[in-house]
Protein backbone atom coordinates (compact mmCIF):
# COMPACT_ATOMS: atom_id res chain seq x y z
CA MET A 1 116.69 169.03 95.61
CA LYS A 2 118.75 165.81 95.02
CA LEU A 3 119.71 165.69 98.30
CA LEU A 4 116.17 166.24 99.84
CA SER A 5 114.70 163.61 97.74
CA MET A 6 117.31 161.10 98.99
CA ILE A 7 116.53 162.02 102.66
CA ALA A 8 112.60 161.79 101.90
CA ALA A 9 113.31 158.39 100.24
CA GLY A 10 115.45 157.25 103.30
CA VAL A 11 112.76 158.47 105.59
CA ALA A 12 110.01 156.51 103.50
CA LEU A 13 111.85 153.50 103.54
CA VAL A 14 112.64 153.51 107.49
CA ALA A 15 108.78 153.74 107.70
CA ALA A 16 108.27 150.91 105.41
CA LEU A 17 110.72 148.63 107.38
CA ALA A 18 108.93 149.43 110.63
CA GLY A 19 105.98 148.17 109.39
CA PRO A 20 102.83 148.65 111.11
CA ALA A 21 104.12 148.64 114.47
CA THR A 22 101.98 151.24 115.84
CA ALA A 23 98.49 150.36 113.64
CA GLU A 24 95.49 150.20 115.84
CA ARG A 25 91.95 148.85 115.75
CA THR A 26 88.77 149.30 117.44
CA ILE A 27 87.10 146.45 119.17
CA THR A 28 83.72 145.94 121.09
CA ASP A 29 84.56 143.96 124.46
CA SER A 30 81.87 141.94 126.40
CA ALA A 31 80.66 145.07 128.39
CA GLY A 32 80.00 147.00 125.00
CA ARG A 33 82.91 149.18 125.28
CA GLN A 34 84.58 150.56 122.27
CA VAL A 35 88.49 149.77 122.88
CA THR A 36 91.27 150.73 120.76
CA VAL A 37 94.00 148.11 120.92
CA PRO A 38 97.32 147.58 119.03
CA ASP A 39 96.95 145.86 115.80
CA ARG A 40 99.41 143.26 116.88
CA VAL A 41 99.18 142.73 120.60
CA SER A 42 102.58 141.31 121.71
CA ARG A 43 102.39 141.83 125.91
CA VAL A 44 99.35 141.15 127.91
CA PHE A 45 98.57 142.01 131.64
CA ALA A 46 96.10 139.67 133.02
CA ALA A 47 94.13 141.38 135.67
CA GLY A 48 93.25 138.27 137.55
CA PRO A 49 93.85 134.93 137.82
CA PRO A 50 90.89 133.46 135.36
CA ALA A 51 92.45 136.09 132.72
CA SER A 52 95.92 134.34 133.33
CA VAL A 53 94.29 130.80 132.14
CA LEU A 54 92.60 132.26 129.22
CA VAL A 55 95.74 133.91 127.99
CA TYR A 56 98.00 131.13 128.68
CA GLY A 57 95.58 128.75 127.04
CA LEU A 58 95.21 130.76 123.72
CA ALA A 59 98.79 132.46 123.64
CA PRO A 60 101.06 132.02 126.43
CA GLU A 61 103.96 133.74 124.77
CA LEU A 62 101.76 136.90 125.08
CA LEU A 63 101.46 136.53 128.81
CA ALA A 64 103.69 139.04 130.86
CA GLY A 65 103.21 137.26 134.28
CA TRP A 66 101.12 135.25 136.60
CA SER A 67 98.65 137.08 139.17
CA ARG A 68 100.23 134.32 141.54
CA ALA A 69 103.39 132.42 141.05
CA PRO A 70 102.90 128.92 140.32
CA THR A 71 104.19 126.34 142.86
CA PRO A 72 106.64 123.84 141.78
CA ALA A 73 104.06 121.25 141.79
CA GLU A 74 101.83 123.54 139.55
CA LYS A 75 104.73 124.18 137.15
CA GLU A 76 105.08 120.41 136.40
CA TYR A 77 101.60 120.81 134.61
CA LEU A 78 102.46 123.89 132.71
CA ALA A 79 104.74 124.27 129.50
CA ALA A 80 108.17 125.40 129.77
CA PRO A 81 109.28 128.10 130.21
CA TYR A 82 105.96 129.68 131.19
CA GLY A 83 106.02 128.35 134.80
CA GLU A 84 108.85 130.61 135.40
CA LEU A 85 106.95 134.18 134.41
CA PRO A 86 106.79 136.44 137.23
CA GLU A 87 104.30 137.10 139.73
CA LEU A 88 102.54 140.34 138.99
CA GLY A 89 99.58 140.37 141.37
CA ARG A 90 95.92 141.09 140.57
CA LEU A 91 93.90 144.04 139.55
CA THR A 92 90.34 142.47 140.51
CA GLY A 93 88.84 140.06 142.19
CA ARG A 94 89.42 139.04 146.29
CA GLY A 95 92.53 140.11 147.91
CA ASP A 96 93.83 142.29 144.72
CA THR A 97 97.36 142.94 144.97
CA ALA A 98 98.66 144.90 141.93
CA ASN A 99 99.10 148.53 141.66
CA LEU A 100 99.41 150.74 138.69
CA GLU A 101 103.00 151.00 139.27
CA VAL A 102 103.65 147.24 138.46
CA VAL A 103 101.09 147.38 135.41
CA LEU A 104 103.25 150.43 134.01
CA ARG A 105 106.59 148.85 134.84
CA THR A 106 105.37 145.58 133.30
CA LYS A 107 104.91 147.75 129.98
CA PRO A 108 102.19 145.76 128.65
CA ASP A 109 100.20 146.88 125.47
CA LEU A 110 96.91 145.24 126.76
CA ILE A 111 95.43 144.71 129.76
CA LEU A 112 92.37 141.81 129.78
CA ASP A 113 90.07 140.59 132.33
CA PHE A 114 88.08 137.28 132.01
CA GLY A 115 84.95 137.32 134.48
CA SER A 116 82.28 139.50 135.45
CA VAL A 117 81.18 142.63 133.44
CA THR A 118 79.28 144.36 135.76
CA GLU A 119 79.27 148.03 136.25
CA THR A 120 81.99 147.43 138.95
CA TYR A 121 84.17 145.96 136.68
CA VAL A 122 83.44 148.21 133.96
CA SER A 123 84.26 151.53 136.02
CA LEU A 124 87.72 149.89 137.35
CA ALA A 125 88.47 149.07 133.50
CA ASP A 126 87.82 152.64 132.66
CA ARG A 127 89.63 154.38 135.70
CA VAL A 128 92.74 151.94 135.03
CA GLN A 129 92.63 152.62 131.16
CA SER A 130 92.41 156.24 131.84
CA GLN A 131 95.36 156.51 134.22
CA THR A 132 97.64 154.11 132.35
CA LYS A 133 96.62 154.82 128.61
CA ILE A 134 96.78 151.17 128.44
CA PRO A 135 93.78 149.81 126.74
CA TYR A 136 91.97 147.55 128.96
CA VAL A 137 89.27 144.93 127.67
CA LEU A 138 86.55 143.13 129.36
CA ILE A 139 85.70 139.57 128.48
CA ASP A 140 82.36 137.62 129.81
CA GLY A 141 83.87 134.87 131.96
CA ARG A 142 80.48 132.92 132.62
CA PHE A 143 80.89 129.51 131.78
CA ALA A 144 78.17 129.46 129.18
CA ASN A 145 79.93 131.97 127.46
CA THR A 146 83.16 129.93 127.51
CA SER A 147 83.25 129.43 123.38
CA PRO A 148 82.10 133.17 122.44
CA ALA A 149 85.01 134.36 124.83
CA LEU A 150 87.47 132.18 123.28
CA ARG A 151 86.69 133.73 120.11
CA LEU A 152 86.54 137.13 121.17
CA ALA A 153 89.67 136.90 123.13
CA GLY A 154 91.16 135.12 120.04
CA LYS A 155 90.50 138.02 117.66
CA ILE A 156 91.91 140.40 120.12
CA LEU A 157 95.10 138.62 120.58
CA GLY A 158 95.41 137.70 116.97
CA VAL A 159 95.18 133.89 117.40
CA PRO A 160 91.70 133.36 115.75
CA GLU A 161 92.58 129.96 114.60
CA ARG A 162 93.70 128.35 117.78
CA ALA A 163 90.62 130.10 119.68
CA GLU A 164 88.55 127.97 117.16
CA ARG A 165 89.75 125.13 118.13
CA LEU A 166 89.52 125.79 121.93
CA ALA A 167 86.06 127.06 121.16
CA ALA A 168 85.02 123.83 119.13
CA TYR A 169 86.43 121.68 122.17
CA ALA A 170 84.14 123.45 124.60
CA GLU A 171 81.31 123.17 122.50
CA ARG A 172 81.88 119.30 122.11
CA THR A 173 82.06 119.33 125.76
CA PHE A 174 78.91 120.92 126.46
CA ALA A 175 77.30 119.01 123.94
CA GLU A 176 78.38 115.79 125.36
CA ILE A 177 77.11 116.87 128.82
CA ASP A 178 73.41 118.12 127.45
CA GLU A 179 73.01 114.52 126.01
CA LEU A 180 74.08 112.89 129.45
CA LEU A 181 71.60 115.19 131.16
CA ALA A 182 68.95 114.65 128.58
CA ARG A 183 68.92 110.94 130.30
CA ILE A 184 68.71 112.02 134.18
CA PRO A 185 65.33 113.56 135.27
CA GLU A 186 65.06 116.59 137.20
CA LYS A 187 64.03 114.44 140.14
CA GLN A 188 67.12 112.26 140.24
CA ARG A 189 69.66 115.02 140.11
CA ALA A 190 72.19 114.89 142.84
CA ARG A 191 72.01 117.46 145.63
CA VAL A 192 75.69 118.92 145.87
CA TYR A 193 77.40 121.22 148.53
CA LEU A 194 80.63 122.91 147.70
CA ALA A 195 82.80 122.71 150.68
CA ARG A 196 85.44 125.38 150.50
CA GLY A 197 88.55 126.19 153.24
CA PRO A 198 89.70 123.69 155.70
CA ASP A 199 86.36 123.96 157.69
CA GLY A 200 84.43 123.60 154.56
CA LEU A 201 81.92 126.11 155.99
CA GLU A 202 82.52 128.75 152.99
CA THR A 203 80.74 127.98 149.94
CA GLY A 204 79.36 129.48 146.45
CA LEU A 205 75.71 130.26 146.41
CA ARG A 206 73.41 129.13 143.53
CA GLY A 207 74.26 131.10 140.13
CA SER A 208 77.58 132.40 141.62
CA ILE A 209 80.25 132.04 138.94
CA ASN A 210 82.20 129.80 141.59
CA THR A 211 79.56 127.17 141.55
CA GLU A 212 77.88 127.31 138.21
CA ILE A 213 79.72 124.20 136.95
CA ILE A 214 77.62 122.33 139.54
CA GLU A 215 74.35 123.19 137.85
CA ARG A 216 76.04 122.88 134.21
CA ALA A 217 77.12 119.15 135.35
CA GLY A 218 73.61 118.12 136.36
CA GLY A 219 73.67 118.84 139.93
CA VAL A 220 71.55 120.91 142.25
CA ASN A 221 73.49 123.26 144.78
CA VAL A 222 71.90 123.08 147.58
CA ALA A 223 73.21 126.53 148.84
CA GLY A 224 71.23 129.67 147.98
CA ALA A 225 67.91 127.76 146.97
CA GLY A 226 65.25 130.30 146.91
CA ASP A 227 67.78 133.07 147.06
CA ASP A 228 68.78 135.40 144.47
CA GLN A 229 71.94 136.50 146.13
CA GLN A 230 75.00 135.48 144.26
CA GLY A 231 78.70 134.80 145.24
CA ILE A 232 80.91 133.46 148.14
CA ALA A 233 79.17 133.04 151.63
CA GLN A 234 79.93 131.71 154.91
CA VAL A 235 77.46 129.18 156.36
CA GLN A 236 77.06 127.65 159.67
CA LEU A 237 77.35 123.68 159.94
CA GLU A 238 73.46 123.44 161.08
CA GLN A 239 72.65 124.66 157.73
CA VAL A 240 74.62 122.42 155.85
CA LEU A 241 73.30 119.55 158.06
CA ALA A 242 69.37 120.97 157.22
CA TRP A 243 70.40 120.97 153.37
CA ASN A 244 71.91 117.20 153.59
CA PRO A 245 73.64 117.07 150.35
CA GLN A 246 74.15 113.82 148.56
CA VAL A 247 77.43 114.71 147.46
CA ILE A 248 79.94 117.15 148.82
CA VAL A 249 82.98 118.49 146.53
CA THR A 250 85.85 120.13 147.82
CA TRP A 251 89.24 121.48 146.59
CA ASP A 252 90.62 121.55 150.08
CA ASP A 253 92.40 118.47 150.82
CA ARG A 254 92.71 119.35 154.86
CA PHE A 255 88.65 119.33 154.71
CA TYR A 256 88.68 116.38 152.82
CA ARG A 257 90.84 114.35 155.08
CA ALA A 258 89.26 115.76 158.18
CA VAL A 259 85.52 115.53 157.30
CA LYS A 260 85.35 111.68 156.88
CA THR A 261 86.44 111.08 160.78
CA ASN A 262 84.43 114.28 162.00
CA PRO A 263 81.50 113.43 163.89
CA THR A 264 79.59 116.95 163.32
CA TRP A 265 79.46 115.91 159.80
CA ALA A 266 78.72 112.34 160.04
CA GLY A 267 75.06 112.41 159.96
CA ILE A 268 75.14 114.20 156.27
CA ASP A 269 74.11 111.82 153.42
CA ALA A 270 77.22 112.42 151.59
CA VAL A 271 79.59 111.79 154.29
CA ARG A 272 77.61 108.60 155.61
CA GLY A 273 77.48 107.15 152.03
CA GLY A 274 81.49 108.20 151.09
CA HIS A 275 80.33 110.62 148.44
CA VAL A 276 82.76 113.36 149.16
CA ALA A 277 85.36 114.25 146.23
CA LEU A 278 88.24 116.00 146.12
CA SER A 279 88.56 118.10 143.09
CA PRO A 280 91.99 117.76 141.24
CA GLY A 281 93.85 121.05 141.13
CA LEU A 282 97.12 121.36 138.91
CA PRO A 283 97.88 123.49 137.60
CA PHE A 284 94.68 125.29 138.14
CA GLY A 285 91.57 123.87 140.10
CA TRP A 286 88.87 121.87 138.30
CA ILE A 287 85.78 123.25 139.90
CA ASP A 288 87.02 126.64 140.75
CA ARG A 289 90.44 128.53 141.55
CA PRO A 290 90.20 130.24 139.10
CA PRO A 291 86.77 129.96 137.33
CA SER A 292 88.23 129.91 133.93
CA LEU A 293 88.95 127.34 131.31
CA ASN A 294 90.21 124.96 133.48
CA ARG A 295 86.56 124.01 134.49
CA LEU A 296 86.19 122.46 131.02
CA ILE A 297 88.08 119.37 131.90
CA GLY A 298 86.34 119.84 135.62
CA LEU A 299 82.96 119.56 134.05
CA ARG A 300 83.65 116.04 132.95
CA TRP A 301 85.13 115.13 136.30
CA LEU A 302 82.25 116.33 138.07
CA ALA A 303 79.67 114.49 135.82
CA ASP A 304 81.56 111.51 136.67
CA VAL A 305 81.52 111.90 140.44
CA LEU A 306 77.94 112.78 140.12
CA TYR A 307 76.57 109.90 137.70
CA PRO A 308 79.67 107.35 137.50
CA ASP A 309 77.39 104.80 135.88
CA ARG A 310 75.94 107.07 133.30
CA THR A 311 79.00 108.83 131.61
CA GLY A 312 80.74 107.00 128.56
CA TRP A 313 84.03 108.63 128.24
CA ASP A 314 87.37 107.59 129.46
CA LEU A 315 88.33 110.33 131.84
CA ARG A 316 92.21 109.79 131.60
CA ALA A 317 91.90 110.10 128.03
CA GLU A 318 90.00 113.14 128.18
CA THR A 319 92.42 114.58 130.86
CA ARG A 320 95.21 113.89 128.32
CA GLU A 321 93.46 115.29 125.41
CA PHE A 322 92.50 118.67 127.45
CA TYR A 323 96.19 119.28 128.96
CA HIS A 324 97.60 118.62 125.62
CA LEU A 325 95.49 121.32 123.70
CA PHE A 326 94.99 123.91 126.37
CA TYR A 327 98.24 123.84 128.34
CA GLN A 328 100.47 122.39 125.82
CA VAL A 329 101.63 119.45 127.93
CA GLU A 330 101.91 115.75 127.70
CA LEU A 331 100.76 113.74 130.81
CA ASP A 332 102.39 110.61 131.25
CA ASP A 333 100.80 107.99 133.74
CA ALA A 334 102.74 109.18 136.80
CA LYS A 335 101.51 112.85 136.19
CA LEU A 336 97.92 111.38 135.54
CA ASP A 337 97.83 109.36 138.73
CA ARG A 338 98.74 112.46 140.66
CA LEU A 339 95.83 114.34 139.05
CA ILE A 340 93.06 112.02 139.02
CA GLY A 341 94.10 108.47 139.67
CA GLU A 342 91.32 105.82 138.61
CA ALA A 343 88.22 107.44 137.48
CA PRO A 344 85.89 108.36 139.97
């Protein structure tokens, strides 16, 4: 009996020392799904690029890898050693490249997606979760939902204090944009075209997650007027000429260099007036690519592009603050110059 008591005590001691490693909790994700997740998350598979940015911003030590490996230029704007994380591919979005074997080999204890929470993505999450037995959570990635998304993700990942800091920053940014727009009548809002790709003829329609930053910055997206369709679309140059935007925004430097001397674009007000703006893109795009937390600093930049005489902030100082808080990197003057140069 004494020996049995000693064995029982030993088992109890081992269990106590092991702690609540297998403890679980149930959370409700943005799609209303009840998902059982580990009490302590230690490794996350990001389902796509927006989720990669979200996890990196909140808890980079939990990120198992990138959907696409960062380039050497992008690594300069990421905290070490996270730029060296492996490329894992993506489960969602255009050109999904990850397969379930990669997911299982990565051994995450959570899969997280940040973006659309439509039936298509719910179905994918349920199927992957059923096949891998790994909890899969969906977080609403709409721009207006940034602060609630940060708080929900922070709760799931176990970093609520950091999430609160980032959410407060997002709320302050939106409030300052609202204050700016309150002084600009609707009739004075700039007409904007987002030119994607080297020919500039791919764009995001009004209401798309890829272009909602335009409306949030006080611009009027000329694409998709009177159409409730949402998403990315190919358009004809004749259509862009008919829209005649006052400002063209692009993240493609090939288009940016070519459009200024391209005679077929010369009649557009934005080109004729020199109002074609190239969005910064390191380590992530400021307008899109991906539509994630990176859009917060892009929002200030775009407002400066659209209304340069009405914004009152120091964009260089704001950029330094954002990169320190969200990316955990310090920007010297040389890195700032490569990003934005002088204010727009």
